[in-house]
Amino acid sequence: MVYSMTGFGASEVILPGKKLSFEIRSLNSKQLDINMRLPSQYKNQEIALRKIINKKLRRGKVDVYLNIEVSGEEGSINFNKSLMKAYAGELKSFCDEMDLPQNEILRTVVMLPNIMVTDNTLSDGEIEALANTCSEALDGLKNYRKEEGAILEQDFIKRINLILSKLKEVTILDPKRIEHIRERILTSLEKNYKEISKDENRFEQELIFYIEKLDVTEELVRLENNCKLFLAELEKNDTIKGKKLNFICQEIGREINTIGSKANNKDIQILVVEMKDELEKVKEQLLNVL
């Protein structure tokens, strides 16, 4: 099972006089990086909300947005009446002094700073509702990550199996490659050095030594094992496996590169390039795996 680091979750709750809405988005990151945007009256709940997020998420760049919609119900809006009186008195005095009309004083007062009173004291019920709504949004984000991860997992299986299929082709071509190298060396010797006497036993030993240096049997075995290990890791129930899968990919890439450097064969080189192409696509997608 694979989980993506990309996700989205949302949840809302209706409270007396207001509606709270959480939106949580996540992208890939090497660690958990939380960025929270909370209205001023909820700033004192940031630490508690971060603890909830830390319990549910392990990696990713996480953006948390909390929006408030005031319903306008009775008691939900308050004015600083003493400040309004002070503003109005000063404006009235100024209008009298300057002989200006006073019919716009109220409209002006309500637009001045600190007229709206915000009560930053949250009830226990509102704090609990805030935490539950955040948790619900996180559950939605985790489900989104799971669905995205399932798509990634199928893509990984497809590409690793393509590498395994090309590996089988290399295994079929390899014996012919060795025989071709042997024949090519013998033909070259007969053509260019036929007048030079040689020790047949020593020549055979050197030829075997040279061919052994081009042998890729171990690399083929390790490549197959690492591909199977990658597929087995996908099936495990671990939530976080991106780093381990990336390490296995590095081992797969190392074996493919070694096979390519030893191949000395056009057909095998083509297969090596194709395997590299599939592996690069896997690596690119792994950047987004939890």
Protein backbone atom coordinates (compact mmCIF):
# COMPACT_ATOMS: atom_id res chain seq x y z
CA MET A 1 0.00 0.00 0.00
CA VAL A 2 1.38 3.38 -1.05
CA TYR A 3 0.29 6.80 0.18
CA SER A 4 0.86 9.98 -1.81
CA MET A 5 2.06 13.18 -0.13
CA THR A 6 -0.34 15.19 -2.27
CA GLY A 7 -3.75 15.58 -0.67
CA PHE A 8 -6.73 17.77 0.12
CA GLY A 9 -9.27 17.68 2.91
CA ALA A 10 -12.08 19.98 4.02
CA SER A 11 -14.61 20.08 6.83
CA GLU A 12 -16.94 22.62 8.42
CA VAL A 13 -19.03 23.09 11.54
CA ILE A 14 -21.95 25.41 12.32
CA LEU A 15 -21.71 27.24 15.64
CA PRO A 16 -23.99 29.93 17.13
CA GLY A 17 -23.49 33.00 14.97
CA LYS A 18 -20.74 31.59 12.76
CA LYS A 19 -19.53 28.79 10.51
CA LEU A 20 -15.96 27.45 10.73
CA SER A 21 -14.44 25.86 7.63
CA PHE A 22 -11.11 24.04 7.47
CA GLU A 23 -9.20 23.44 4.23
CA ILE A 24 -5.99 21.41 4.41
CA ARG A 25 -3.68 20.85 1.43
CA SER A 26 -0.41 18.93 1.28
CA LEU A 27 2.48 18.55 -1.15
CA ASN A 28 5.68 16.53 -1.09
CA SER A 29 8.41 17.39 1.40
CA LYS A 30 11.26 15.54 3.12
CA GLN A 31 9.70 16.23 6.52
CA LEU A 32 6.48 17.57 8.01
CA ASP A 33 6.26 21.30 7.32
CA ILE A 34 3.06 22.93 8.63
CA ASN A 35 1.92 26.39 7.56
CA MET A 36 -1.22 27.63 9.35
CA ARG A 37 -3.43 30.60 8.52
CA LEU A 38 -5.84 31.25 11.36
CA PRO A 39 -8.05 34.25 12.16
CA SER A 40 -6.69 36.33 15.03
CA GLN A 41 -9.23 35.06 17.59
CA TYR A 42 -8.08 31.48 17.00
CA LYS A 43 -4.32 32.10 17.10
CA ASN A 44 -4.14 30.80 20.67
CA GLN A 45 -5.30 27.37 19.38
CA GLU A 46 -2.44 26.98 16.90
CA ILE A 47 -0.28 24.78 19.16
CA ALA A 48 -3.21 22.44 19.90
CA LEU A 49 -4.05 22.18 16.19
CA ARG A 50 -0.43 21.48 15.31
CA LYS A 51 -0.41 18.58 17.79
CA ILE A 52 -3.48 17.09 16.06
CA ILE A 53 -1.80 17.40 12.66
CA ASN A 54 1.46 15.89 13.94
CA LYS A 55 -0.41 12.83 15.20
CA LYS A 56 -2.14 12.21 11.86
CA LEU A 57 0.51 13.23 9.32
CA ARG A 58 4.18 12.29 9.15
CA ARG A 59 5.56 13.97 6.03
CA GLY A 60 4.60 16.66 3.56
CA LYS A 61 4.30 20.41 3.19
CA VAL A 62 0.91 21.09 4.79
CA ASP A 63 -1.08 24.32 4.39
CA VAL A 64 -3.97 24.78 6.83
CA TYR A 65 -6.66 27.42 6.27
CA LEU A 66 -9.44 28.27 8.72
CA ASN A 67 -12.23 30.51 7.42
CA ILE A 68 -15.03 32.11 9.44
CA GLU A 69 -18.43 33.12 8.12
CA VAL A 70 -20.41 35.29 10.57
CA SER A 71 -24.12 34.57 10.28
CA GLY A 72 -25.27 37.82 11.84
CA GLU A 73 -27.45 36.16 14.49
CA GLU A 74 -28.31 38.15 17.60
CA GLY A 75 -25.39 38.42 19.93
CA SER A 76 -22.83 37.47 17.30
CA ILE A 77 -21.88 41.07 16.47
CA ASN A 78 -20.90 43.67 19.10
CA PHE A 79 -19.89 47.30 18.86
CA ASN A 80 -17.57 49.23 21.12
CA LYS A 81 -20.26 51.77 22.06
CA SER A 82 -18.07 53.90 24.31
CA LEU A 83 -15.54 54.31 21.52
CA MET A 84 -18.36 55.06 19.07
CA LYS A 85 -19.59 57.84 21.35
CA ALA A 86 -16.10 59.30 21.58
CA TYR A 87 -15.66 59.21 17.81
CA ALA A 88 -19.14 60.70 17.24
CA GLY A 89 -18.52 63.51 19.77
CA GLU A 90 -15.27 64.50 18.10
CA LEU A 91 -16.83 64.38 14.63
CA LYS A 92 -19.86 66.41 15.76
CA SER A 93 -17.60 69.02 17.34
CA PHE A 94 -15.54 69.20 14.16
CA CYS A 95 -18.68 69.57 11.99
CA ASP A 96 -19.99 72.38 14.23
CA GLU A 97 -16.68 74.16 14.11
CA MET A 98 -16.38 73.85 10.34
CA ASP A 99 -20.13 74.37 9.70
CA LEU A 100 -20.41 70.97 7.96
CA PRO A 101 -23.49 68.68 7.68
CA GLN A 102 -23.72 65.98 10.35
CA ASN A 103 -25.94 63.44 8.58
CA GLU A 104 -22.98 61.14 7.66
CA ILE A 105 -21.45 60.92 11.14
CA LEU A 106 -22.83 57.42 11.93
CA ARG A 107 -21.73 56.02 8.57
CA THR A 108 -18.23 57.40 9.21
CA VAL A 109 -18.03 56.13 12.79
CA VAL A 110 -18.77 52.48 11.97
CA MET A 111 -15.89 52.48 9.48
CA LEU A 112 -13.32 53.68 12.02
CA PRO A 113 -10.81 51.29 13.71
CA ASN A 114 -11.73 49.06 16.66
CA ILE A 115 -15.48 49.71 16.43
CA MET A 116 -16.24 45.99 16.01
CA VAL A 117 -15.62 44.10 19.24
CA THR A 118 -14.09 40.65 18.88
CA ASP A 119 -14.29 38.32 21.84
CA ASN A 120 -11.17 36.15 21.75
CA THR A 121 -12.40 33.98 24.59
CA LEU A 122 -13.46 30.63 23.18
CA SER A 123 -15.85 28.34 25.00
CA ASP A 124 -14.88 24.73 25.70
CA GLY A 125 -17.51 23.65 23.21
CA GLU A 126 -16.07 25.84 20.45
CA ILE A 127 -12.52 24.61 21.17
CA GLU A 128 -13.71 21.01 20.95
CA ALA A 129 -15.63 21.73 17.73
CA LEU A 130 -12.52 23.37 16.27
CA ALA A 131 -10.36 20.33 17.06
CA ASN A 132 -12.95 17.86 15.71
CA THR A 133 -13.41 19.81 12.49
CA CYS A 134 -9.64 19.95 11.93
CA SER A 135 -9.42 16.20 12.56
CA GLU A 136 -12.22 15.51 10.04
CA ALA A 137 -10.43 17.59 7.40
CA LEU A 138 -7.24 15.61 8.09
CA ASP A 139 -9.14 12.33 7.65
CA GLY A 140 -10.36 13.59 4.28
CA LEU A 141 -6.80 14.50 3.30
CA LYS A 142 -5.53 11.04 4.30
CA ASN A 143 -8.24 9.38 2.19
CA TYR A 144 -7.22 11.57 -0.74
CA ARG A 145 -3.59 10.53 -0.21
CA LYS A 146 -4.61 6.88 -0.14
CA GLU A 147 -6.52 7.17 -3.43
CA GLU A 148 -3.62 8.99 -5.10
CA GLY A 149 -1.23 6.40 -3.68
CA ALA A 150 -3.24 3.55 -5.21
CA ILE A 151 -2.81 5.14 -8.65
CA LEU A 152 0.94 5.56 -8.07
CA GLU A 153 1.23 1.96 -6.89
CA GLN A 154 -0.30 0.59 -10.09
CA ASP A 155 2.10 2.71 -12.13
CA PHE A 156 5.08 1.41 -10.12
CA ILE A 157 3.99 -2.21 -10.61
CA LYS A 158 3.60 -1.65 -14.33
CA ARG A 159 7.05 -0.08 -14.75
CA ILE A 160 8.95 -2.53 -12.54
CA ASN A 161 7.36 -5.42 -14.42
CA LEU A 162 8.48 -3.78 -17.68
CA ILE A 163 12.03 -3.72 -16.31
CA LEU A 164 11.73 -7.40 -15.39
CA SER A 165 10.47 -8.26 -18.88
CA LYS A 166 13.43 -6.46 -20.47
CA LEU A 167 15.71 -8.23 -18.00
CA LYS A 168 14.47 -11.57 -19.37
CA GLU A 169 15.35 -10.41 -22.86
CA VAL A 170 18.86 -9.54 -21.69
CA THR A 171 19.16 -13.00 -20.08
CA ILE A 172 18.29 -14.60 -23.43
CA LEU A 173 20.77 -12.43 -25.34
CA ASP A 174 23.64 -12.78 -22.86
CA PRO A 175 24.95 -16.28 -23.86
CA LYS A 176 24.94 -15.26 -27.53
CA ARG A 177 26.81 -12.08 -26.60
CA ILE A 178 29.60 -14.03 -24.87
CA GLU A 179 29.93 -16.42 -27.79
CA HIS A 180 30.03 -13.50 -30.21
CA ILE A 181 32.82 -11.82 -28.22
CA ARG A 182 34.81 -15.05 -28.22
CA GLU A 183 34.41 -15.53 -31.96
CA ARG A 184 35.29 -11.91 -32.65
CA ILE A 185 38.56 -12.17 -30.72
CA LEU A 186 39.52 -15.43 -32.43
CA THR A 187 38.68 -14.03 -35.86
CA SER A 188 40.75 -10.92 -35.18
CA LEU A 189 43.73 -13.01 -34.08
CA GLU A 190 43.52 -15.27 -37.13
CA LYS A 191 43.24 -12.30 -39.46
CA ASN A 192 45.88 -10.00 -38.00
CA TYR A 193 48.28 -12.20 -36.07
CA LYS A 194 48.18 -15.58 -37.83
CA GLU A 195 51.96 -15.63 -38.32
CA ILE A 196 52.62 -15.15 -34.62
CA SER A 197 52.85 -18.33 -32.58
CA LYS A 198 50.85 -18.46 -29.38
CA ASP A 199 50.53 -20.65 -26.33
CA GLU A 200 47.07 -22.14 -26.67
CA ASN A 201 46.66 -22.81 -22.94
CA ARG A 202 47.77 -19.34 -21.97
CA PHE A 203 45.59 -17.82 -24.65
CA GLU A 204 42.57 -19.76 -23.40
CA GLN A 205 43.21 -18.62 -19.83
CA GLU A 206 43.47 -14.98 -20.88
CA LEU A 207 40.34 -15.27 -22.97
CA ILE A 208 38.40 -16.74 -20.07
CA PHE A 209 39.70 -13.98 -17.79
CA TYR A 210 38.62 -11.29 -20.26
CA ILE A 211 35.16 -12.81 -20.76
CA GLU A 212 34.69 -13.10 -16.99
CA LYS A 213 35.21 -9.35 -16.69
CA LEU A 214 32.28 -8.88 -19.08
CA ASP A 215 30.08 -11.42 -17.31
CA VAL A 216 26.85 -9.88 -15.99
CA THR A 217 25.29 -12.95 -14.37
CA GLU A 218 25.55 -11.53 -10.84
CA GLU A 219 24.16 -8.18 -11.94
CA LEU A 220 21.20 -9.86 -13.62
CA VAL A 221 20.43 -11.86 -10.49
CA ARG A 222 20.71 -8.84 -8.21
CA LEU A 223 18.60 -6.72 -10.56
CA GLU A 224 15.83 -9.32 -10.55
CA ASN A 225 15.99 -9.64 -6.75
CA ASN A 226 15.84 -5.88 -6.23
CA CYS A 227 12.86 -5.53 -8.57
CA LYS A 228 11.04 -8.28 -6.68
CA LEU A 229 11.99 -6.62 -3.38
CA PHE A 230 10.48 -3.35 -4.65
CA LEU A 231 7.21 -5.10 -5.55
CA ALA A 232 7.14 -6.89 -2.19
CA GLU A 233 7.64 -3.60 -0.38
CA LEU A 234 4.63 -2.13 -2.20
CA GLU A 235 2.41 -4.86 -0.75
CA LYS A 236 3.37 -4.16 2.87
CA ASN A 237 0.93 -2.26 5.06
CA ASP A 238 3.51 0.31 6.16
CA THR A 239 2.18 3.83 5.72
CA ILE A 240 5.59 5.42 5.16
CA LYS A 241 7.84 3.70 2.64
CA GLY A 242 8.95 6.36 0.15
CA LYS A 243 12.54 6.55 1.43
CA LYS A 244 12.96 2.77 1.44
CA LEU A 245 11.55 2.44 -2.08
CA ASN A 246 13.90 5.18 -3.22
CA PHE A 247 16.87 3.28 -1.75
CA ILE A 248 15.81 0.11 -3.59
CA CYS A 249 15.53 2.17 -6.78
CA GLN A 250 19.12 3.29 -6.34
CA GLU A 251 20.22 -0.34 -6.15
CA ILE A 252 18.19 -1.19 -9.26
CA GLY A 253 19.81 1.71 -11.10
CA ARG A 254 23.29 0.61 -10.03
CA GLU A 255 22.78 -2.89 -11.47
CA ILE A 256 21.31 -1.55 -14.72
CA ASN A 257 24.29 0.79 -15.16
CA THR A 258 26.77 -2.02 -14.55
CA ILE A 259 25.04 -4.24 -17.08
CA GLY A 260 25.19 -1.39 -19.58
CA SER A 261 28.89 -0.77 -19.00
CA LYS A 262 29.74 -4.46 -19.47
CA ALA A 263 27.28 -5.25 -22.26
CA ASN A 264 29.43 -4.57 -25.32
CA ASN A 265 26.37 -5.46 -27.35
CA LYS A 266 24.01 -3.19 -29.30
CA ASP A 267 20.79 -5.09 -28.55
CA ILE A 268 21.51 -5.27 -24.83
CA GLN A 269 22.42 -1.59 -24.75
CA ILE A 270 19.02 -0.76 -26.23
CA LEU A 271 17.31 -2.78 -23.50
CA VAL A 272 19.46 -1.08 -20.85
CA VAL A 273 18.37 2.35 -22.09
CA GLU A 274 14.73 1.27 -22.00
CA MET A 275 15.13 -0.04 -18.43
CA LYS A 276 16.74 3.25 -17.39
CA ASP A 277 13.84 5.17 -18.89
CA GLU A 278 11.28 3.16 -16.90
CA LEU A 279 13.33 3.52 -13.72
CA GLU A 280 13.59 7.30 -14.10
CA LYS A 281 9.79 7.49 -14.32
CA VAL A 282 9.56 5.48 -11.10
CA LYS A 283 12.07 7.75 -9.36
CA GLU A 284 10.18 10.86 -10.44
CA GLN A 285 6.92 9.52 -9.01
CA LEU A 286 8.63 8.36 -5.82
CA LEU A 287 9.30 11.98 -4.89
CA ASN A 288 5.59 12.21 -4.09
CA VAL A 289 5.34 9.01 -2.03
CA LEU A 290 4.92 9.25 1.72
